[in-house]
Amino acid sequence: MTEQKRIDCFKCKHFYVTWDSRFPKGCKAFEFKGRALPSVEVKRASGQDCLRFTNK
Protein backbone atom coordinates (compact mmCIF):
# COMPACT_ATOMS: atom_id res chain seq x y z
CA MET A 1 0.00 0.00 0.00
CA THR A 2 1.20 3.48 -0.78
CA GLU A 3 0.40 6.24 1.64
CA GLN A 4 -0.57 9.45 -0.12
CA LYS A 5 0.39 12.66 1.60
CA ARG A 6 -2.52 15.07 1.74
CA ILE A 7 -1.80 18.68 0.84
CA ASP A 8 -2.67 21.08 3.67
CA CYS A 9 -4.13 24.20 2.09
CA PHE A 10 -3.89 26.07 5.39
CA LYS A 11 -0.09 26.00 4.98
CA CYS A 12 -0.19 27.31 1.40
CA LYS A 13 0.38 30.97 0.59
CA HIS A 14 -2.33 30.88 -2.11
CA PHE A 15 -5.12 29.75 0.26
CA TYR A 16 -7.56 32.29 1.67
CA VAL A 17 -10.86 32.36 3.53
CA THR A 18 -13.63 34.27 1.76
CA TRP A 19 -16.55 36.26 3.15
CA ASP A 20 -18.96 34.28 0.97
CA SER A 21 -20.69 31.72 3.21
CA ARG A 22 -21.62 29.61 0.17
CA PHE A 23 -17.97 29.37 -0.96
CA PRO A 24 -15.83 29.86 2.16
CA LYS A 25 -12.44 28.63 0.89
CA GLY A 26 -10.42 30.02 -2.00
CA CYS A 27 -7.22 29.63 -3.97
CA LYS A 28 -5.46 32.68 -5.41
CA ALA A 29 -3.24 30.57 -7.69
CA PHE A 30 -6.17 28.91 -9.49
CA GLU A 31 -8.52 31.87 -8.95
CA PHE A 32 -11.54 30.00 -7.61
CA LYS A 33 -13.66 29.65 -4.48
CA GLY A 34 -15.45 26.57 -3.20
CA ARG A 35 -16.96 24.72 -0.27
CA ALA A 36 -14.18 22.14 0.04
CA LEU A 37 -10.47 22.78 0.43
CA PRO A 38 -8.92 23.83 -2.89
CA SER A 39 -6.54 20.85 -2.87
CA VAL A 40 -9.55 18.51 -2.70
CA GLU A 41 -11.26 20.31 -5.59
CA VAL A 42 -8.09 20.16 -7.70
CA LYS A 43 -7.68 16.44 -6.99
CA ARG A 44 -11.33 15.80 -7.86
CA ALA A 45 -11.15 17.77 -11.13
CA SER A 46 -7.74 16.73 -12.44
CA GLY A 47 -6.92 13.51 -10.63
CA GLN A 48 -3.56 14.97 -9.58
CA ASP A 49 -2.36 16.60 -6.40
CA CYS A 50 -2.19 20.40 -6.41
CA LEU A 51 0.86 21.52 -8.38
CA ARG A 52 0.67 25.14 -7.18
CA PHE A 53 1.19 24.45 -3.47
CA THR A 54 3.73 26.88 -2.00
CA ASN A 55 4.61 26.72 1.67
CA LYS A 56 4.03 29.96 3.62
PDB file of N, CA and C in Angstrom:
ATOM      1  N   MET A   1       0.832  -1.194   0.000  1.00  0.00           N
ATOM      2  CA  MET A   1       0.000   0.000   0.000  1.00  0.00           C
ATOM      3  C   MET A   1       0.873   1.253   0.000  1.00  0.00           C
ATOM      4  N   THR A   2       0.482   2.222  -0.766  1.00  0.00           N
ATOM      5  CA  THR A   2       1.200   3.485  -0.784  1.00  0.00           C
ATOM      6  C   THR A   2       0.393   4.516  -0.018  1.00  0.00           C
ATOM      7  N   GLU A   3       1.069   5.206   0.844  1.00  0.00           N
ATOM      8  CA  GLU A   3       0.403   6.239   1.643  1.00  0.00           C
ATOM      9  C   GLU A   3       0.538   7.566   0.912  1.00  0.00           C
ATOM     10  N   GLN A   4      -0.591   8.178   0.566  1.00  0.00           N
ATOM     11  CA  GLN A   4      -0.567   9.451  -0.121  1.00  0.00           C
ATOM     12  C   GLN A   4      -0.575  10.578   0.899  1.00  0.00           C
ATOM     13  N   LYS A   5       0.319  11.522   0.711  1.00  0.00           N
ATOM     14  CA  LYS A   5       0.395  12.665   1.605  1.00  0.00           C
ATOM     15  C   LYS A   5      -0.630  13.706   1.146  1.00  0.00           C
ATOM     16  N   ARG A   6      -1.481  14.096   2.053  1.00  0.00           N
ATOM     17  CA  ARG A   6      -2.519  15.067   1.737  1.00  0.00           C
ATOM     18  C   ARG A   6      -1.951  16.477   1.830  1.00  0.00           C
ATOM     19  N   ILE A   7      -2.270  17.298   0.859  1.00  0.00           N
ATOM     20  CA  ILE A   7      -1.796  18.680   0.842  1.00  0.00           C
ATOM     21  C   ILE A   7      -2.648  19.503   1.806  1.00  0.00           C
ATOM     22  N   ASP A   8      -1.991  20.251   2.673  1.00  0.00           N
ATOM     23  CA  ASP A   8      -2.671  21.077   3.669  1.00  0.00           C
ATOM     24  C   ASP A   8      -2.768  22.509   3.149  1.00  0.00           C
ATOM     25  N   CYS A   9      -3.923  22.873   2.660  1.00  0.00           N
ATOM     26  CA  CYS A   9      -4.125  24.205   2.090  1.00  0.00           C
ATOM     27  C   CYS A   9      -3.871  25.321   3.103  1.00  0.00           C
ATOM     28  N   PHE A  10      -4.091  25.039   4.372  1.00  0.00           N
ATOM     29  CA  PHE A  10      -3.891  26.066   5.394  1.00  0.00           C
ATOM     30  C   PHE A  10      -2.422  26.477   5.501  1.00  0.00           C
ATOM     31  N   LYS A  11      -1.523  25.681   4.962  1.00  0.00           N
ATOM     32  CA  LYS A  11      -0.094  25.996   4.978  1.00  0.00           C
ATOM     33  C   LYS A  11       0.384  26.562   3.646  1.00  0.00           C
ATOM     34  N   CYS A  12      -0.533  26.796   2.724  1.00  0.00           N
ATOM     35  CA  CYS A  12      -0.191  27.306   1.396  1.00  0.00           C
ATOM     36  C   CYS A  12      -0.408  28.815   1.335  1.00  0.00           C
ATOM     37  N   LYS A  13       0.504  29.513   0.671  1.00  0.00           N
ATOM     38  CA  LYS A  13       0.381  30.973   0.593  1.00  0.00           C
ATOM     39  C   LYS A  13      -0.741  31.419  -0.343  1.00  0.00           C
ATOM     40  N   HIS A  14      -1.257  30.538  -1.182  1.00  0.00           N
ATOM     41  CA  HIS A  14      -2.330  30.881  -2.112  1.00  0.00           C
ATOM     42  C   HIS A  14      -3.726  30.697  -1.508  1.00  0.00           C
ATOM     43  N   PHE A  15      -3.821  30.023  -0.369  1.00  0.00           N
ATOM     44  CA  PHE A  15      -5.116  29.754   0.262  1.00  0.00           C
ATOM     45  C   PHE A  15      -5.631  30.995   0.979  1.00  0.00           C
ATOM     46  N   TYR A  16      -6.939  31.208   0.897  1.00  0.00           N
ATOM     47  CA  TYR A  16      -7.557  32.288   1.669  1.00  0.00           C
ATOM     48  C   TYR A  16      -8.988  31.915   2.038  1.00  0.00           C
ATOM     49  N   VAL A  17      -9.486  32.556   3.082  1.00  0.00           N
ATOM     50  CA  VAL A  17     -10.859  32.360   3.531  1.00  0.00           C
ATOM     51  C   VAL A  17     -11.671  33.530   2.997  1.00  0.00           C
ATOM     52  N   THR A  18     -12.802  33.231   2.370  1.00  0.00           N
ATOM     53  CA  THR A  18     -13.627  34.274   1.764  1.00  0.00           C
ATOM     54  C   THR A  18     -14.729  34.716   2.727  1.00  0.00           C
ATOM     55  N   TRP A  19     -15.411  35.783   2.366  1.00  0.00           N
ATOM     56  CA  TRP A  19     -16.552  36.260   3.148  1.00  0.00           C
ATOM     57  C   TRP A  19     -17.849  35.638   2.646  1.00  0.00           C
ATOM     58  N   ASP A  20     -17.779  34.910   1.560  1.00  0.00           N
ATOM     59  CA  ASP A  20     -18.958  34.278   0.970  1.00  0.00           C
ATOM     60  C   ASP A  20     -19.260  32.972   1.701  1.00  0.00           C
ATOM     61  N   SER A  21     -20.374  32.917   2.410  1.00  0.00           N
ATOM     62  CA  SER A  21     -20.691  31.724   3.205  1.00  0.00           C
ATOM     63  C   SER A  21     -20.987  30.503   2.327  1.00  0.00           C
ATOM     64  N   ARG A  22     -21.369  30.728   1.079  1.00  0.00           N
ATOM     65  CA  ARG A  22     -21.620  29.607   0.169  1.00  0.00           C
ATOM     66  C   ARG A  22     -20.319  28.999  -0.354  1.00  0.00           C
ATOM     67  N   PHE A  23     -19.280  29.815  -0.464  1.00  0.00           N
ATOM     68  CA  PHE A  23     -17.975  29.374  -0.963  1.00  0.00           C
ATOM     69  C   PHE A  23     -16.890  29.912  -0.033  1.00  0.00           C
ATOM     70  N   PRO A  24     -16.687  29.288   1.115  1.00  0.00           N
ATOM     71  CA  PRO A  24     -15.832  29.864   2.155  1.00  0.00           C
ATOM     72  C   PRO A  24     -14.322  29.721   1.965  1.00  0.00           C
ATOM     73  N   LYS A  25     -13.884  28.864   1.045  1.00  0.00           N
ATOM     74  CA  LYS A  25     -12.444  28.632   0.886  1.00  0.00           C
ATOM     75  C   LYS A  25     -12.028  28.973  -0.533  1.00  0.00           C
ATOM     76  N   GLY A  26     -10.862  29.610  -0.676  1.00  0.00           N
ATOM     77  CA  GLY A  26     -10.424  30.017  -2.000  1.00  0.00           C
ATOM     78  C   GLY A  26      -8.956  29.762  -2.258  1.00  0.00           C
ATOM     79  N   CYS A  27      -8.606  29.807  -3.534  1.00  0.00           N
ATOM     80  CA  CYS A  27      -7.219  29.631  -3.967  1.00  0.00           C
ATOM     81  C   CYS A  27      -6.873  30.762  -4.921  1.00  0.00           C
ATOM     82  N   LYS A  28      -5.877  31.560  -4.572  1.00  0.00           N
ATOM     83  CA  LYS A  28      -5.464  32.676  -5.414  1.00  0.00           C
ATOM     84  C   LYS A  28      -4.721  32.199  -6.655  1.00  0.00           C
ATOM     85  N   ALA A  29      -4.010  31.081  -6.560  1.00  0.00           N
ATOM     86  CA  ALA A  29      -3.239  30.568  -7.693  1.00  0.00           C
ATOM     87  C   ALA A  29      -4.159  30.104  -8.823  1.00  0.00           C
ATOM     88  N   PHE A  30      -5.239  29.410  -8.478  1.00  0.00           N
ATOM     89  CA  PHE A  30      -6.167  28.910  -9.489  1.00  0.00           C
ATOM     90  C   PHE A  30      -7.378  29.819  -9.673  1.00  0.00           C
ATOM     91  N   GLU A  31      -7.470  30.857  -8.861  1.00  0.00           N
ATOM     92  CA  GLU A  31      -8.521  31.870  -8.953  1.00  0.00           C
ATOM     93  C   GLU A  31      -9.930  31.274  -8.887  1.00  0.00           C
ATOM     94  N   PHE A  32     -10.192  30.508  -7.819  1.00  0.00           N
ATOM     95  CA  PHE A  32     -11.535  29.997  -7.609  1.00  0.00           C
ATOM     96  C   PHE A  32     -11.853  29.911  -6.127  1.00  0.00           C
ATOM     97  N   LYS A  33     -13.160  29.826  -5.839  1.00  0.00           N
ATOM     98  CA  LYS A  33     -13.659  29.648  -4.479  1.00  0.00           C
ATOM     99  C   LYS A  33     -14.529  28.402  -4.466  1.00  0.00           C
ATOM    100  N   GLY A  34     -14.616  27.757  -3.290  1.00  0.00           N
ATOM    101  CA  GLY A  34     -15.453  26.567  -3.199  1.00  0.00           C
ATOM    102  C   GLY A  34     -15.795  26.225  -1.768  1.00  0.00           C
ATOM    103  N   ARG A  35     -16.578  25.173  -1.610  1.00  0.00           N
ATOM    104  CA  ARG A  35     -16.957  24.717  -0.270  1.00  0.00           C
ATOM    105  C   ARG A  35     -15.874  23.856   0.352  1.00  0.00           C
ATOM    106  N   ALA A  36     -15.228  23.034  -0.461  1.00  0.00           N
ATOM    107  CA  ALA A  36     -14.180  22.139   0.035  1.00  0.00           C
ATOM    108  C   ALA A  36     -12.825  22.839  -0.061  1.00  0.00           C
ATOM    109  N   LEU A  37     -11.823  22.238   0.549  1.00  0.00           N
ATOM    110  CA  LEU A  37     -10.471  22.782   0.427  1.00  0.00           C
ATOM    111  C   LEU A  37     -10.056  22.765  -1.041  1.00  0.00           C
ATOM    112  N   PRO A  38      -9.337  23.789  -1.492  1.00  0.00           N
ATOM    113  CA  PRO A  38      -8.923  23.830  -2.893  1.00  0.00           C
ATOM    114  C   PRO A  38      -8.143  22.593  -3.344  1.00  0.00           C
ATOM    115  N   SER A  39      -7.309  22.036  -2.477  1.00  0.00           N
ATOM    116  CA  SER A  39      -6.542  20.849  -2.873  1.00  0.00           C
ATOM    117  C   SER A  39      -7.463  19.667  -3.172  1.00  0.00           C
ATOM    118  N   VAL A  40      -8.571  19.575  -2.458  1.00  0.00           N
ATOM    119  CA  VAL A  40      -9.547  18.508  -2.701  1.00  0.00           C
ATOM    120  C   VAL A  40     -10.256  18.735  -4.036  1.00  0.00           C
ATOM    121  N   GLU A  41     -10.610  19.982  -4.319  1.00  0.00           N
ATOM    122  CA  GLU A  41     -11.261  20.314  -5.589  1.00  0.00           C
ATOM    123  C   GLU A  41     -10.339  20.045  -6.772  1.00  0.00           C
ATOM    124  N   VAL A  42      -9.064  20.397  -6.631  1.00  0.00           N
ATOM    125  CA  VAL A  42      -8.092  20.160  -7.701  1.00  0.00           C
ATOM    126  C   VAL A  42      -7.931  18.668  -7.945  1.00  0.00           C
ATOM    127  N   LYS A  43      -7.814  17.900  -6.876  1.00  0.00           N
ATOM    128  CA  LYS A  43      -7.676  16.439  -6.990  1.00  0.00           C
ATOM    129  C   LYS A  43      -8.911  15.838  -7.659  1.00  0.00           C
ATOM    130  N   ARG A  44     -10.082  16.313  -7.290  1.00  0.00           N
ATOM    131  CA  ARG A  44     -11.329  15.802  -7.863  1.00  0.00           C
ATOM    132  C   ARG A  44     -11.425  16.136  -9.360  1.00  0.00           C
ATOM    133  N   ALA A  45     -11.015  17.339  -9.740  1.00  0.00           N
ATOM    134  CA  ALA A  45     -11.153  17.771 -11.129  1.00  0.00           C
ATOM    135  C   ALA A  45     -10.078  17.198 -12.051  1.00  0.00           C
ATOM    136  N   SER A  46      -8.838  17.132 -11.566  1.00  0.00           N
ATOM    137  CA  SER A  46      -7.736  16.726 -12.441  1.00  0.00           C
ATOM    138  C   SER A  46      -7.203  15.326 -12.177  1.00  0.00           C
ATOM    139  N   GLY A  47      -7.463  14.817 -10.983  1.00  0.00           N
ATOM    140  CA  GLY A  47      -6.918  13.508 -10.632  1.00  0.00           C
ATOM    141  C   GLY A  47      -5.494  13.574 -10.119  1.00  0.00           C
ATOM    142  N   GLN A  48      -4.923  14.769 -10.067  1.00  0.00           N
ATOM    143  CA  GLN A  48      -3.558  14.973  -9.583  1.00  0.00           C
ATOM    144  C   GLN A  48      -3.581  15.834  -8.331  1.00  0.00           C
ATOM    145  N   ASP A  49      -2.505  15.714  -7.549  1.00  0.00           N
ATOM    146  CA  ASP A  49      -2.361  16.602  -6.401  1.00  0.00           C
ATOM    147  C   ASP A  49      -2.119  18.022  -6.899  1.00  0.00           C
ATOM    148  N   CYS A  50      -2.382  18.992  -6.056  1.00  0.00           N
ATOM    149  CA  CYS A  50      -2.192  20.395  -6.412  1.00  0.00           C
ATOM    150  C   CYS A  50      -0.730  20.665  -6.755  1.00  0.00           C
ATOM    151  N   LEU A  51      -0.496  21.230  -7.927  1.00  0.00           N
ATOM    152  CA  LEU A  51       0.863  21.524  -8.378  1.00  0.00           C
ATOM    153  C   LEU A  51       1.284  22.949  -8.045  1.00  0.00           C
ATOM    154  N   ARG A  52       0.367  23.746  -7.512  1.00  0.00           N
ATOM    155  CA  ARG A  52       0.669  25.141  -7.183  1.00  0.00           C
ATOM    156  C   ARG A  52       0.930  25.366  -5.700  1.00  0.00           C
ATOM    157  N   PHE A  53       0.971  24.307  -4.909  1.00  0.00           N
ATOM    158  CA  PHE A  53       1.189  24.451  -3.465  1.00  0.00           C
ATOM    159  C   PHE A  53       2.537  25.112  -3.212  1.00  0.00           C
ATOM    160  N   THR A  54       2.520  26.177  -2.414  1.00  0.00           N
ATOM    161  CA  THR A  54       3.733  26.876  -2.003  1.00  0.00           C
ATOM    162  C   THR A  54       3.639  27.110  -0.506  1.00  0.00           C
ATOM    163  N   ASN A  55       4.604  26.593   0.222  1.00  0.00           N
ATOM    164  CA  ASN A  55       4.611  26.720   1.674  1.00  0.00           C
ATOM    165  C   ASN A  55       4.714  28.187   2.078  1.00  0.00           C
ATOM    166  N   LYS A  56       3.997  28.575   3.125  1.00  0.00           N
ATOM    167  CA  LYS A  56       4.033  29.962   3.619  1.00  0.00           C
ATOM    168  C   LYS A  56       5.393  30.312   4.146  1.00  0.00           C
TER     169      LYS A  56
END
